Amino acid sequence: MISIYTHPVIRRTAFALALLGALAACQKNDASAGQVGGKLDDAAQAAGQKLDQAASYVGQQVDATRATAEQNLNSAASAPTIRIDPAGLASSAQANLQGAASATGAAIDHAASMTGEGLQTAGRKLQQWSNQSAGTSSSASTSTSTSTDSTDAQKQMDK
């Protein structure tokens, strides 16, 4: 806190009073003691007025600062206002759900398409294998009679 004796206005006033007192004491005229006292009284009144003005100015500044601080405190203390529009929230949620359903449907369609293509490919490969098996089974039946003879001979040797 600022001491009243260190305030610039008060220091200046005190200095002015001291200077006036010194000048009054150093005056070389034949003024009577009443005149010197009157001059000192005038100087004291002027100094008092200056002090009153300084105090008034400081008081105004303190009041203005206090009002600004209170205003800032009141505006900081008030809670922010949040408003939620239920209709807007519901329509946004519905749009999001429709978008998700559309994306899910597209993913299911793509998966079904890929599965169908995979099944078609597997069916063709089965047909090819079946056709190849049928051709090799007729040639295998003629060679089985000769292979059974060789396996019998092998069994005999193992004994």
C-alpha atoms as a PDB file:
ATOM      1  CA  MET A   1       0.000   0.000   0.000  1.00  0.00           C
ATOM      2  CA  ILE A   2       1.301   3.503  -0.784  1.00  0.00           C
ATOM      3  CA  SER A   3       2.151   5.582   2.280  1.00  0.00           C
ATOM      4  CA  ILE A   4       0.543   8.993   2.357  1.00  0.00           C
ATOM      5  CA  TYR A   5       3.971  10.612   2.872  1.00  0.00           C
ATOM      6  CA  THR A   6       5.415   9.114  -0.323  1.00  0.00           C
ATOM      7  CA  HIS A   7       2.616  10.298  -2.584  1.00  0.00           C
ATOM      8  CA  PRO A   8       4.023  12.854  -5.114  1.00  0.00           C
ATOM      9  CA  VAL A   9       1.263  15.452  -4.552  1.00  0.00           C
ATOM     10  CA  ILE A  10       1.785  15.472  -0.810  1.00  0.00           C
ATOM     11  CA  ARG A  11       5.571  15.729  -1.144  1.00  0.00           C
ATOM     12  CA  ARG A  12       5.229  18.627  -3.564  1.00  0.00           C
ATOM     13  CA  THR A  13       2.805  20.412  -1.253  1.00  0.00           C
ATOM     14  CA  ALA A  14       5.086  19.949   1.751  1.00  0.00           C
ATOM     15  CA  PHE A  15       8.027  21.218  -0.280  1.00  0.00           C
ATOM     16  CA  ALA A  16       6.009  24.252  -1.436  1.00  0.00           C
ATOM     17  CA  LEU A  17       5.056  25.032   2.198  1.00  0.00           C
ATOM     18  CA  ALA A  18       8.644  24.777   3.331  1.00  0.00           C
ATOM     19  CA  LEU A  19       9.762  27.004   0.459  1.00  0.00           C
ATOM     20  CA  LEU A  20       7.079  29.608   1.228  1.00  0.00           C
ATOM     21  CA  GLY A  21       8.051  29.575   4.890  1.00  0.00           C
ATOM     22  CA  ALA A  22      11.708  30.053   3.994  1.00  0.00           C
ATOM     23  CA  LEU A  23      10.882  32.898   1.617  1.00  0.00           C
ATOM     24  CA  ALA A  24       8.689  34.538   4.202  1.00  0.00           C
ATOM     25  CA  ALA A  25      11.443  34.314   6.788  1.00  0.00           C
ATOM     26  CA  CYS A  26      14.030  35.672   4.387  1.00  0.00           C
ATOM     27  CA  GLN A  27      11.939  38.621   3.252  1.00  0.00           C
ATOM     28  CA  LYS A  28      13.765  41.853   3.962  1.00  0.00           C
ATOM     29  CA  ASN A  29      10.834  44.186   4.217  1.00  0.00           C
ATOM     30  CA  ASP A  30       9.463  45.730   7.339  1.00  0.00           C
ATOM     31  CA  ALA A  31       6.419  43.547   7.536  1.00  0.00           C
ATOM     32  CA  SER A  32       4.926  43.138  10.888  1.00  0.00           C
ATOM     33  CA  ALA A  33       4.563  39.814  12.651  1.00  0.00           C
ATOM     34  CA  GLY A  34       0.860  39.796  11.828  1.00  0.00           C
ATOM     35  CA  GLN A  35       1.545  40.015   8.117  1.00  0.00           C
ATOM     36  CA  VAL A  36       4.015  37.108   8.214  1.00  0.00           C
ATOM     37  CA  GLY A  37       1.527  35.076  10.215  1.00  0.00           C
ATOM     38  CA  GLY A  38      -1.196  35.924   7.686  1.00  0.00           C
ATOM     39  CA  LYS A  39       1.012  34.846   4.819  1.00  0.00           C
ATOM     40  CA  LEU A  40       1.755  31.581   6.575  1.00  0.00           C
ATOM     41  CA  ASP A  41      -1.958  31.086   7.166  1.00  0.00           C
ATOM     42  CA  ASP A  42      -2.644  31.702   3.475  1.00  0.00           C
ATOM     43  CA  ALA A  43       0.076  29.230   2.533  1.00  0.00           C
ATOM     44  CA  ALA A  44      -1.334  26.695   4.982  1.00  0.00           C
ATOM     45  CA  GLN A  45      -4.826  27.155   3.516  1.00  0.00           C
ATOM     46  CA  ALA A  46      -3.490  26.709  -0.010  1.00  0.00           C
ATOM     47  CA  ALA A  47      -1.600  23.614   1.084  1.00  0.00           C
ATOM     48  CA  GLY A  48      -4.729  22.282   2.798  1.00  0.00           C
ATOM     49  CA  GLN A  49      -6.772  22.851  -0.369  1.00  0.00           C
ATOM     50  CA  LYS A  50      -4.130  21.049  -2.424  1.00  0.00           C
ATOM     51  CA  LEU A  51      -4.156  18.161   0.040  1.00  0.00           C
ATOM     52  CA  ASP A  52      -7.952  18.017  -0.112  1.00  0.00           C
ATOM     53  CA  GLN A  53      -7.802  17.995  -3.907  1.00  0.00           C
ATOM     54  CA  ALA A  54      -5.183  15.234  -3.855  1.00  0.00           C
ATOM     55  CA  ALA A  55      -7.215  13.173  -1.394  1.00  0.00           C
ATOM     56  CA  SER A  56     -10.320  13.663  -3.511  1.00  0.00           C
ATOM     57  CA  TYR A  57      -8.428  12.591  -6.640  1.00  0.00           C
ATOM     58  CA  VAL A  58      -7.036   9.503  -4.896  1.00  0.00           C
ATOM     59  CA  GLY A  59     -10.511   8.660  -3.577  1.00  0.00           C
ATOM     60  CA  GLN A  60     -11.980   8.932  -7.084  1.00  0.00           C
ATOM     61  CA  GLN A  61      -9.282   6.675  -8.466  1.00  0.00           C
ATOM     62  CA  VAL A  62      -9.864   4.124  -5.698  1.00  0.00           C
ATOM     63  CA  ASP A  63     -13.627   4.195  -6.326  1.00  0.00           C
ATOM     64  CA  ALA A  64     -13.145   3.780 -10.092  1.00  0.00           C
ATOM     65  CA  THR A  65     -10.735   0.894  -9.572  1.00  0.00           C
ATOM     66  CA  ARG A  66     -13.101  -0.764  -7.091  1.00  0.00           C
ATOM     67  CA  ALA A  67     -16.041  -0.406  -9.510  1.00  0.00           C
ATOM     68  CA  THR A  68     -14.001  -1.901 -12.357  1.00  0.00           C
ATOM     69  CA  ALA A  69     -12.859  -4.786 -10.147  1.00  0.00           C
ATOM     70  CA  GLU A  70     -16.430  -5.487  -9.016  1.00  0.00           C
ATOM     71  CA  GLN A  71     -17.668  -5.400 -12.599  1.00  0.00           C
ATOM     72  CA  ASN A  72     -14.917  -7.815 -13.694  1.00  0.00           C
ATOM     73  CA  LEU A  73     -15.661 -10.081 -10.752  1.00  0.00           C
ATOM     74  CA  ASN A  74     -19.382 -10.103 -11.505  1.00  0.00           C
ATOM     75  CA  SER A  75     -18.850 -10.878 -15.171  1.00  0.00           C
ATOM     76  CA  ALA A  76     -16.352 -13.644 -14.322  1.00  0.00           C
ATOM     77  CA  ALA A  77     -18.667 -15.155 -11.714  1.00  0.00           C
ATOM     78  CA  SER A  78     -21.661 -15.469 -14.017  1.00  0.00           C
ATOM     79  CA  ALA A  79     -21.983 -18.965 -15.457  1.00  0.00           C
ATOM     80  CA  PRO A  80     -22.005 -19.429 -19.210  1.00  0.00           C
ATOM     81  CA  THR A  81     -25.369 -20.187 -20.729  1.00  0.00           C
ATOM     82  CA  ILE A  82     -25.699 -23.459 -22.625  1.00  0.00           C
ATOM     83  CA  ARG A  83     -28.791 -24.000 -24.693  1.00  0.00           C
ATOM     84  CA  ILE A  84     -29.671 -27.323 -26.261  1.00  0.00           C
ATOM     85  CA  ASP A  85     -32.271 -27.519 -28.983  1.00  0.00           C
ATOM     86  CA  PRO A  86     -33.987 -30.947 -28.638  1.00  0.00           C
ATOM     87  CA  ALA A  87     -35.399 -30.811 -32.168  1.00  0.00           C
ATOM     88  CA  GLY A  88     -32.000 -30.001 -33.664  1.00  0.00           C
ATOM     89  CA  LEU A  89     -30.353 -32.702 -31.570  1.00  0.00           C
ATOM     90  CA  ALA A  90     -32.955 -35.288 -32.646  1.00  0.00           C
ATOM     91  CA  SER A  91     -32.651 -34.396 -36.325  1.00  0.00           C
ATOM     92  CA  SER A  92     -28.858 -34.564 -36.126  1.00  0.00           C
ATOM     93  CA  ALA A  93     -29.047 -37.980 -34.442  1.00  0.00           C
ATOM     94  CA  GLN A  94     -31.511 -39.213 -37.067  1.00  0.00           C
ATOM     95  CA  ALA A  95     -29.237 -38.030 -39.898  1.00  0.00           C
ATOM     96  CA  ASN A  96     -26.280 -39.788 -38.270  1.00  0.00           C
ATOM     97  CA  LEU A  97     -28.277 -43.014 -37.898  1.00  0.00           C
ATOM     98  CA  GLN A  98     -29.409 -42.870 -41.529  1.00  0.00           C
ATOM     99  CA  GLY A  99     -25.826 -42.352 -42.654  1.00  0.00           C
ATOM    100  CA  ALA A 100     -24.673 -45.312 -40.551  1.00  0.00           C
ATOM    101  CA  ALA A 101     -27.483 -47.522 -41.911  1.00  0.00           C
ATOM    102  CA  SER A 102     -26.607 -46.568 -45.483  1.00  0.00           C
ATOM    103  CA  ALA A 103     -22.928 -47.342 -44.902  1.00  0.00           C
ATOM    104  CA  THR A 104     -23.823 -50.679 -43.271  1.00  0.00           C
ATOM    105  CA  GLY A 105     -26.085 -51.609 -46.193  1.00  0.00           C
ATOM    106  CA  ALA A 106     -23.338 -50.818 -48.682  1.00  0.00           C
ATOM    107  CA  ALA A 107     -20.864 -52.949 -46.694  1.00  0.00           C
ATOM    108  CA  ILE A 108     -23.315 -55.870 -46.584  1.00  0.00           C
ATOM    109  CA  ASP A 109     -23.957 -55.597 -50.342  1.00  0.00           C
ATOM    110  CA  HIS A 110     -20.217 -55.611 -51.023  1.00  0.00           C
ATOM    111  CA  ALA A 111     -19.680 -58.623 -48.741  1.00  0.00           C
ATOM    112  CA  ALA A 112     -22.530 -60.537 -50.444  1.00  0.00           C
ATOM    113  CA  SER A 113     -21.116 -59.722 -53.868  1.00  0.00           C
ATOM    114  CA  MET A 114     -17.656 -60.915 -52.870  1.00  0.00           C
ATOM    115  CA  THR A 115     -19.118 -64.086 -51.344  1.00  0.00           C
ATOM    116  CA  GLY A 116     -21.107 -64.785 -54.529  1.00  0.00           C
ATOM    117  CA  GLU A 117     -18.013 -64.353 -56.684  1.00  0.00           C
ATOM    118  CA  GLY A 118     -16.058 -66.667 -54.366  1.00  0.00           C
ATOM    119  CA  LEU A 119     -18.800 -69.307 -54.542  1.00  0.00           C
ATOM    120  CA  GLN A 120     -18.903 -69.096 -58.338  1.00  0.00           C
ATOM    121  CA  THR A 121     -15.142 -69.548 -58.541  1.00  0.00           C
ATOM    122  CA  ALA A 122     -15.281 -72.500 -56.139  1.00  0.00           C
ATOM    123  CA  GLY A 123     -18.093 -74.085 -58.181  1.00  0.00           C
ATOM    124  CA  ARG A 124     -16.088 -73.792 -61.422  1.00  0.00           C
ATOM    125  CA  LYS A 125     -13.029 -75.311 -59.761  1.00  0.00           C
ATOM    126  CA  LEU A 126     -15.155 -78.195 -58.445  1.00  0.00           C
ATOM    127  CA  GLN A 127     -16.516 -78.816 -61.919  1.00  0.00           C
ATOM    128  CA  GLN A 128     -13.023 -78.788 -63.385  1.00  0.00           C
ATOM    129  CA  TRP A 129     -11.783 -81.173 -60.710  1.00  0.00           C
ATOM    130  CA  SER A 130     -14.788 -83.418 -61.218  1.00  0.00           C
ATOM    131  CA  ASN A 131     -14.172 -83.524 -64.966  1.00  0.00           C
ATOM    132  CA  GLN A 132     -10.485 -84.280 -64.422  1.00  0.00           C
ATOM    133  CA  SER A 133     -11.307 -87.005 -61.856  1.00  0.00           C
ATOM    134  CA  ALA A 134     -13.714 -88.700 -64.219  1.00  0.00           C
ATOM    135  CA  GLY A 135     -11.038 -88.810 -66.966  1.00  0.00           C
ATOM    136  CA  THR A 136      -8.342 -90.181 -64.662  1.00  0.00           C
ATOM    137  CA  SER A 137     -10.595 -92.771 -63.011  1.00  0.00           C
ATOM    138  CA  SER A 138     -11.165 -94.630 -66.330  1.00  0.00           C
ATOM    139  CA  SER A 139      -7.410 -94.861 -66.954  1.00  0.00           C
ATOM    140  CA  ALA A 140      -6.820 -95.795 -63.334  1.00  0.00           C
ATOM    141  CA  SER A 141      -9.159 -98.816 -63.533  1.00  0.00           C
ATOM    142  CA  THR A 142      -7.048-100.428 -66.243  1.00  0.00           C
ATOM    143  CA  SER A 143      -3.850 -99.884 -64.311  1.00  0.00           C
ATOM    144  CA  THR A 144      -5.235-101.192 -61.011  1.00  0.00           C
ATOM    145  CA  SER A 145      -5.134-104.818 -62.134  1.00  0.00           C
ATOM    146  CA  THR A 146      -1.413-104.611 -62.898  1.00  0.00           C
ATOM    147  CA  SER A 147      -0.711-102.665 -59.730  1.00  0.00           C
ATOM    148  CA  THR A 148      -2.496-105.276 -57.554  1.00  0.00           C
ATOM    149  CA  ASP A 149      -0.225-107.985 -58.979  1.00  0.00           C
ATOM    150  CA  SER A 150       2.869-105.985 -58.072  1.00  0.00           C
ATOM    151  CA  THR A 151       1.549-105.292 -54.573  1.00  0.00           C
ATOM    152  CA  ASP A 152       0.921-109.040 -54.046  1.00  0.00           C
ATOM    153  CA  ALA A 153       4.493-109.771 -55.059  1.00  0.00           C
ATOM    154  CA  GLN A 154       5.684-107.114 -52.610  1.00  0.00           C
ATOM    155  CA  LYS A 155       3.699-108.727 -49.797  1.00  0.00           C
ATOM    156  CA  GLN A 156       5.229-112.094 -50.555  1.00  0.00           C
ATOM    157  CA  MET A 157       8.719-110.698 -50.338  1.00  0.00           C
ATOM    158  CA  ASP A 158       8.003-108.993 -47.035  1.00  0.00           C
ATOM    159  CA  LYS A 159       7.061-112.303 -45.455  1.00  0.00           C
END
